Amino acid sequence: MSETNKRVLGVNIIGIPTEEEYWNCPGVPSEKRMLKGPVAVIECFQEIPCNVCEDACPFGAIKVGHPITNLPVLDEDKCKGCKLCIPICPGLAIFVVDLSREGEARISLPYEFLPVPSVGEEVDALDRWGRVVAKAKVVQVLYSEKFDKTYIITISVPKKYAFFVRSIKVRR
C-alpha cells in the first residue's frame, strides 16, 4: 500500500491528502475560481475541534459552524484572498493561490522557520512530502505581531506546480 493511501477505519492517518480527498475537501475552491485571482485554499481534512479560520475571515467566506469539529467550508465567491486566515491556522493548513497570471502561480503560505527569505530571493519549492519540486521566487514577505511569529511568504512558481507546492526551503 502506498504512503499516500494509508488508512485506518477509512481515515487518512498521515495527513497528506490523496488527489480525490483534495478536490473533495469543502475548503478547496474550484480551479475556475483560482484562475480569477487570489483565493484561500483550506487543506483541512481532519475533523478536529478548531474554528479560528472562521473567526479570522473579515468577509465571512469560511464557515465551520457547530460542532466545531466540522471541516471548514469555503465560500469561494466571498473570499478576497486577503491572507488573514493563513497565520491564524494552528495546523498551517491554509494557503492562498492565485492562478490569474500568465504562466505563473502565486502561492502564499505560512512560514515559521529561520532564516526568513527576502523578496526577490530564489528558494526551493517543496511538496507536501517535503520534496523539492521546483525553484520559486519570493515576491512578498508579510509579518505582523498579530501573526504570532508566523510569516506569510508569497512565492511565484510555474503554474503546473500550483496544486503541489505547500512549503519552501531557504537555501542560505
C-alpha atoms as a PDB file:
ATOM      1  CA  MET A   1       0.000   0.000   0.000  1.00  0.00           C
ATOM      2  CA  SER A   2       1.367   3.424  -0.906  1.00  0.00           C
ATOM      3  CA  GLU A   3       2.047   6.003   1.792  1.00  0.00           C
ATOM      4  CA  THR A   4      -0.499   8.404   0.321  1.00  0.00           C
ATOM      5  CA  ASN A   5      -3.280   5.894   0.759  1.00  0.00           C
ATOM      6  CA  LYS A   6      -2.581   4.565   4.271  1.00  0.00           C
ATOM      7  CA  ARG A   7      -5.866   4.404   6.121  1.00  0.00           C
ATOM      8  CA  VAL A   8      -7.237   3.145   9.412  1.00  0.00           C
ATOM      9  CA  LEU A   9     -11.014   2.701   9.507  1.00  0.00           C
ATOM     10  CA  GLY A  10     -11.313   4.894   6.409  1.00  0.00           C
ATOM     11  CA  VAL A  11      -9.308   7.795   7.874  1.00  0.00           C
ATOM     12  CA  ASN A  12      -6.163   9.216   6.281  1.00  0.00           C
ATOM     13  CA  ILE A  13      -3.582   8.647   9.044  1.00  0.00           C
ATOM     14  CA  ILE A  14      -0.640  10.568   7.630  1.00  0.00           C
ATOM     15  CA  GLY A  15      -2.351  13.885   6.945  1.00  0.00           C
ATOM     16  CA  ILE A  16      -1.327  14.174   3.298  1.00  0.00           C
ATOM     17  CA  PRO A  17      -4.387  14.141   1.057  1.00  0.00           C
ATOM     18  CA  THR A  18      -4.883  11.983  -1.965  1.00  0.00           C
ATOM     19  CA  GLU A  19      -5.905  13.846  -5.140  1.00  0.00           C
ATOM     20  CA  GLU A  20      -9.520  12.765  -4.590  1.00  0.00           C
ATOM     21  CA  GLU A  21      -9.500  13.991  -0.981  1.00  0.00           C
ATOM     22  CA  TYR A  22      -8.001  17.294  -2.107  1.00  0.00           C
ATOM     23  CA  TRP A  23     -10.664  18.122  -4.693  1.00  0.00           C
ATOM     24  CA  ASN A  24     -13.496  16.882  -2.458  1.00  0.00           C
ATOM     25  CA  CYS A  25     -12.439  18.965   0.531  1.00  0.00           C
ATOM     26  CA  PRO A  26     -15.031  21.682   1.309  1.00  0.00           C
ATOM     27  CA  GLY A  27     -12.223  24.206   1.855  1.00  0.00           C
ATOM     28  CA  VAL A  28     -10.699  23.850  -1.616  1.00  0.00           C
ATOM     29  CA  PRO A  29     -12.034  26.245  -4.272  1.00  0.00           C
ATOM     30  CA  SER A  30     -12.545  25.292  -7.886  1.00  0.00           C
ATOM     31  CA  GLU A  31      -9.724  25.729 -10.369  1.00  0.00           C
ATOM     32  CA  LYS A  32     -12.030  28.149 -12.219  1.00  0.00           C
ATOM     33  CA  ARG A  33     -12.119  30.392  -9.132  1.00  0.00           C
ATOM     34  CA  MET A  34      -8.331  30.189  -8.703  1.00  0.00           C
ATOM     35  CA  LEU A  35      -7.939  31.470 -12.267  1.00  0.00           C
ATOM     36  CA  LYS A  36      -9.891  34.639 -11.339  1.00  0.00           C
ATOM     37  CA  GLY A  37      -7.381  35.761  -8.691  1.00  0.00           C
ATOM     38  CA  PRO A  38      -6.184  35.060  -5.145  1.00  0.00           C
ATOM     39  CA  VAL A  39      -8.371  32.731  -3.100  1.00  0.00           C
ATOM     40  CA  ALA A  40      -7.908  30.741   0.101  1.00  0.00           C
ATOM     41  CA  VAL A  41      -7.239  27.016  -0.133  1.00  0.00           C
ATOM     42  CA  ILE A  42      -8.072  25.335   3.168  1.00  0.00           C
ATOM     43  CA  GLU A  43      -6.408  21.926   3.256  1.00  0.00           C
ATOM     44  CA  CYS A  44      -8.077  20.823   6.467  1.00  0.00           C
ATOM     45  CA  PHE A  45      -9.005  17.159   6.073  1.00  0.00           C
ATOM     46  CA  GLN A  46      -9.404  16.000   9.639  1.00  0.00           C
ATOM     47  CA  GLU A  47     -12.331  16.757  11.918  1.00  0.00           C
ATOM     48  CA  ILE A  48     -10.615  18.413  14.855  1.00  0.00           C
ATOM     49  CA  PRO A  49     -12.048  20.984  17.287  1.00  0.00           C
ATOM     50  CA  CYS A  50     -10.973  24.231  15.642  1.00  0.00           C
ATOM     51  CA  ASN A  51     -12.735  27.230  14.131  1.00  0.00           C
ATOM     52  CA  VAL A  52     -10.193  30.059  14.259  1.00  0.00           C
ATOM     53  CA  CYS A  53     -10.262  30.460  10.469  1.00  0.00           C
ATOM     54  CA  GLU A  54     -13.982  31.216  10.605  1.00  0.00           C
ATOM     55  CA  ASP A  55     -13.392  33.971  13.156  1.00  0.00           C
ATOM     56  CA  ALA A  56     -10.405  35.377  11.244  1.00  0.00           C
ATOM     57  CA  CYS A  57     -12.208  35.915   7.920  1.00  0.00           C
ATOM     58  CA  PRO A  58     -13.492  39.502   7.674  1.00  0.00           C
ATOM     59  CA  PHE A  59     -15.647  38.575   4.637  1.00  0.00           C
ATOM     60  CA  GLY A  60     -17.486  35.583   6.110  1.00  0.00           C
ATOM     61  CA  ALA A  61     -16.020  33.309   3.441  1.00  0.00           C
ATOM     62  CA  ILE A  62     -15.137  30.487   5.872  1.00  0.00           C
ATOM     63  CA  LYS A  63     -17.759  28.574   7.834  1.00  0.00           C
ATOM     64  CA  VAL A  64     -17.195  25.829  10.379  1.00  0.00           C
ATOM     65  CA  GLY A  65     -20.442  26.111  12.318  1.00  0.00           C
ATOM     66  CA  HIS A  66     -21.456  23.661  15.023  1.00  0.00           C
ATOM     67  CA  PRO A  67     -19.958  21.409  16.095  1.00  0.00           C
ATOM     68  CA  ILE A  68     -16.532  22.997  15.752  1.00  0.00           C
ATOM     69  CA  THR A  69     -15.175  19.659  14.547  1.00  0.00           C
ATOM     70  CA  ASN A  70     -16.817  20.286  11.157  1.00  0.00           C
ATOM     71  CA  LEU A  71     -14.435  20.752   8.258  1.00  0.00           C
ATOM     72  CA  PRO A  72     -14.174  24.409   7.215  1.00  0.00           C
ATOM     73  CA  VAL A  73     -16.263  25.236   4.155  1.00  0.00           C
ATOM     74  CA  LEU A  74     -15.020  27.964   1.815  1.00  0.00           C
ATOM     75  CA  ASP A  75     -17.478  30.229   0.009  1.00  0.00           C
ATOM     76  CA  GLU A  76     -15.189  30.921  -2.927  1.00  0.00           C
ATOM     77  CA  ASP A  77     -17.355  33.819  -4.129  1.00  0.00           C
ATOM     78  CA  LYS A  78     -16.919  35.692  -0.828  1.00  0.00           C
ATOM     79  CA  CYS A  79     -13.172  35.080  -0.496  1.00  0.00           C
ATOM     80  CA  LYS A  80     -10.994  38.053  -1.467  1.00  0.00           C
ATOM     81  CA  GLY A  81      -7.646  36.299  -0.948  1.00  0.00           C
ATOM     82  CA  CYS A  82      -6.730  38.752   1.844  1.00  0.00           C
ATOM     83  CA  LYS A  83      -4.455  36.165   3.553  1.00  0.00           C
ATOM     84  CA  LEU A  84      -5.631  36.914   7.119  1.00  0.00           C
ATOM     85  CA  CYS A  85      -6.617  33.271   7.610  1.00  0.00           C
ATOM     86  CA  ILE A  86      -3.115  31.942   6.810  1.00  0.00           C
ATOM     87  CA  PRO A  87      -1.201  32.799  10.017  1.00  0.00           C
ATOM     88  CA  ILE A  88      -4.134  32.069  12.325  1.00  0.00           C
ATOM     89  CA  CYS A  89      -4.373  28.365  11.407  1.00  0.00           C
ATOM     90  CA  PRO A  90      -2.590  26.243  14.046  1.00  0.00           C
ATOM     91  CA  GLY A  91      -2.321  23.363  11.557  1.00  0.00           C
ATOM     92  CA  LEU A  92      -0.605  25.518   8.882  1.00  0.00           C
ATOM     93  CA  ALA A  93      -3.274  24.206   6.513  1.00  0.00           C
ATOM     94  CA  ILE A  94      -4.353  27.404   4.745  1.00  0.00           C
ATOM     95  CA  PHE A  95      -2.778  28.828   1.609  1.00  0.00           C
ATOM     96  CA  VAL A  96      -3.795  31.488  -0.893  1.00  0.00           C
ATOM     97  CA  VAL A  97      -3.417  30.510  -4.532  1.00  0.00           C
ATOM     98  CA  ASP A  98      -3.582  32.903  -7.480  1.00  0.00           C
ATOM     99  CA  LEU A  99      -3.603  31.457 -10.996  1.00  0.00           C
ATOM    100  CA  SER A 100      -4.626  34.689 -12.757  1.00  0.00           C
ATOM    101  CA  ARG A 101      -1.139  35.480 -14.108  1.00  0.00           C
ATOM    102  CA  GLU A 102       0.089  34.121 -17.411  1.00  0.00           C
ATOM    103  CA  GLY A 103       2.349  31.087 -16.901  1.00  0.00           C
ATOM    104  CA  GLU A 104       2.869  31.503 -13.158  1.00  0.00           C
ATOM    105  CA  ALA A 105       1.115  30.701  -9.927  1.00  0.00           C
ATOM    106  CA  ARG A 106       1.466  32.790  -6.813  1.00  0.00           C
ATOM    107  CA  ILE A 107       1.180  30.828  -3.619  1.00  0.00           C
ATOM    108  CA  SER A 108       1.017  32.494  -0.220  1.00  0.00           C
ATOM    109  CA  LEU A 109       1.918  30.145   2.598  1.00  0.00           C
ATOM    110  CA  PRO A 110       2.650  30.132   6.323  1.00  0.00           C
ATOM    111  CA  TYR A 111       6.318  30.112   7.298  1.00  0.00           C
ATOM    112  CA  GLU A 112       7.699  29.583  10.818  1.00  0.00           C
ATOM    113  CA  PHE A 113      11.407  28.937  10.249  1.00  0.00           C
ATOM    114  CA  LEU A 114      14.647  30.885  10.229  1.00  0.00           C
ATOM    115  CA  PRO A 115      16.101  32.366   8.181  1.00  0.00           C
ATOM    116  CA  VAL A 116      13.157  34.263   6.732  1.00  0.00           C
ATOM    117  CA  PRO A 117      13.598  34.721   2.973  1.00  0.00           C
ATOM    118  CA  SER A 118      13.751  38.151   1.338  1.00  0.00           C
ATOM    119  CA  VAL A 119      11.736  39.487  -1.571  1.00  0.00           C
ATOM    120  CA  GLY A 120      13.499  38.529  -4.803  1.00  0.00           C
ATOM    121  CA  GLU A 121      15.284  35.550  -3.258  1.00  0.00           C
ATOM    122  CA  GLU A 122      15.212  32.194  -5.039  1.00  0.00           C
ATOM    123  CA  VAL A 123      14.074  29.321  -2.806  1.00  0.00           C
ATOM    124  CA  ASP A 124      13.237  25.653  -3.250  1.00  0.00           C
ATOM    125  CA  ALA A 125       9.500  24.968  -3.564  1.00  0.00           C
ATOM    126  CA  LEU A 126       8.508  21.838  -1.639  1.00  0.00           C
ATOM    127  CA  ASP A 127       5.562  19.477  -1.994  1.00  0.00           C
ATOM    128  CA  ARG A 128       3.510  18.105   0.917  1.00  0.00           C
ATOM    129  CA  TRP A 129       6.155  15.410   1.485  1.00  0.00           C
ATOM    130  CA  GLY A 130       8.972  17.976   1.753  1.00  0.00           C
ATOM    131  CA  ARG A 131      10.440  17.094  -1.636  1.00  0.00           C
ATOM    132  CA  VAL A 132      11.870  19.816  -3.881  1.00  0.00           C
ATOM    133  CA  VAL A 133       9.626  20.111  -6.939  1.00  0.00           C
ATOM    134  CA  ALA A 134      10.602  23.490  -8.405  1.00  0.00           C
ATOM    135  CA  LYS A 135      12.546  26.692  -7.989  1.00  0.00           C
ATOM    136  CA  ALA A 136      10.494  29.604  -6.683  1.00  0.00           C
ATOM    137  CA  LYS A 137      10.974  33.330  -6.378  1.00  0.00           C
ATOM    138  CA  VAL A 138       9.836  35.141  -3.237  1.00  0.00           C
ATOM    139  CA  VAL A 139       7.559  38.010  -4.272  1.00  0.00           C
ATOM    140  CA  GLN A 140       6.207  39.123  -0.881  1.00  0.00           C
ATOM    141  CA  VAL A 141       7.004  38.696   2.819  1.00  0.00           C
ATOM    142  CA  LEU A 142       4.353  39.749   5.344  1.00  0.00           C
ATOM    143  CA  TYR A 143       4.640  39.850   9.110  1.00  0.00           C
ATOM    144  CA  SER A 144       2.694  41.351  11.970  1.00  0.00           C
ATOM    145  CA  GLU A 145       2.792  40.851  15.729  1.00  0.00           C
ATOM    146  CA  LYS A 146      -0.804  39.638  15.315  1.00  0.00           C
ATOM    147  CA  PHE A 147       0.515  36.709  13.258  1.00  0.00           C
ATOM    148  CA  ASP A 148       2.065  35.061  16.364  1.00  0.00           C
ATOM    149  CA  LYS A 149       5.518  34.515  14.843  1.00  0.00           C
ATOM    150  CA  THR A 150       4.150  33.183  11.549  1.00  0.00           C
ATOM    151  CA  TYR A 151       5.246  34.901   8.342  1.00  0.00           C
ATOM    152  CA  ILE A 152       3.216  34.869   5.154  1.00  0.00           C
ATOM    153  CA  ILE A 153       5.554  34.181   2.256  1.00  0.00           C
ATOM    154  CA  THR A 154       4.271  34.585  -1.296  1.00  0.00           C
ATOM    155  CA  ILE A 155       6.194  32.775  -3.991  1.00  0.00           C
ATOM    156  CA  SER A 156       5.981  32.571  -7.755  1.00  0.00           C
ATOM    157  CA  VAL A 157       6.231  29.141  -9.395  1.00  0.00           C
ATOM    158  CA  PRO A 158       5.289  27.724 -12.784  1.00  0.00           C
ATOM    159  CA  LYS A 159       1.505  27.129 -12.870  1.00  0.00           C
ATOM    160  CA  LYS A 160       1.862  23.366 -13.192  1.00  0.00           C
ATOM    161  CA  TYR A 161       3.070  23.218  -9.571  1.00  0.00           C
ATOM    162  CA  ALA A 162       0.225  25.250  -8.024  1.00  0.00           C
ATOM    163  CA  PHE A 163      -1.573  22.238  -6.550  1.00  0.00           C
ATOM    164  CA  PHE A 164       1.576  20.598  -5.196  1.00  0.00           C
ATOM    165  CA  VAL A 165       3.778  23.313  -3.662  1.00  0.00           C
ATOM    166  CA  ARG A 166       2.960  23.873   0.005  1.00  0.00           C
ATOM    167  CA  SER A 167       6.249  24.944   1.600  1.00  0.00           C
ATOM    168  CA  ILE A 168       9.663  26.371   0.850  1.00  0.00           C
ATOM    169  CA  LYS A 169      13.266  25.787   1.782  1.00  0.00           C
ATOM    170  CA  VAL A 170      15.620  28.741   2.048  1.00  0.00           C
ATOM    171  CA  ARG A 171      18.995  27.858   0.556  1.00  0.00           C
ATOM    172  CA  ARG A 172      21.307  30.025   2.637  1.00  0.00           C
END
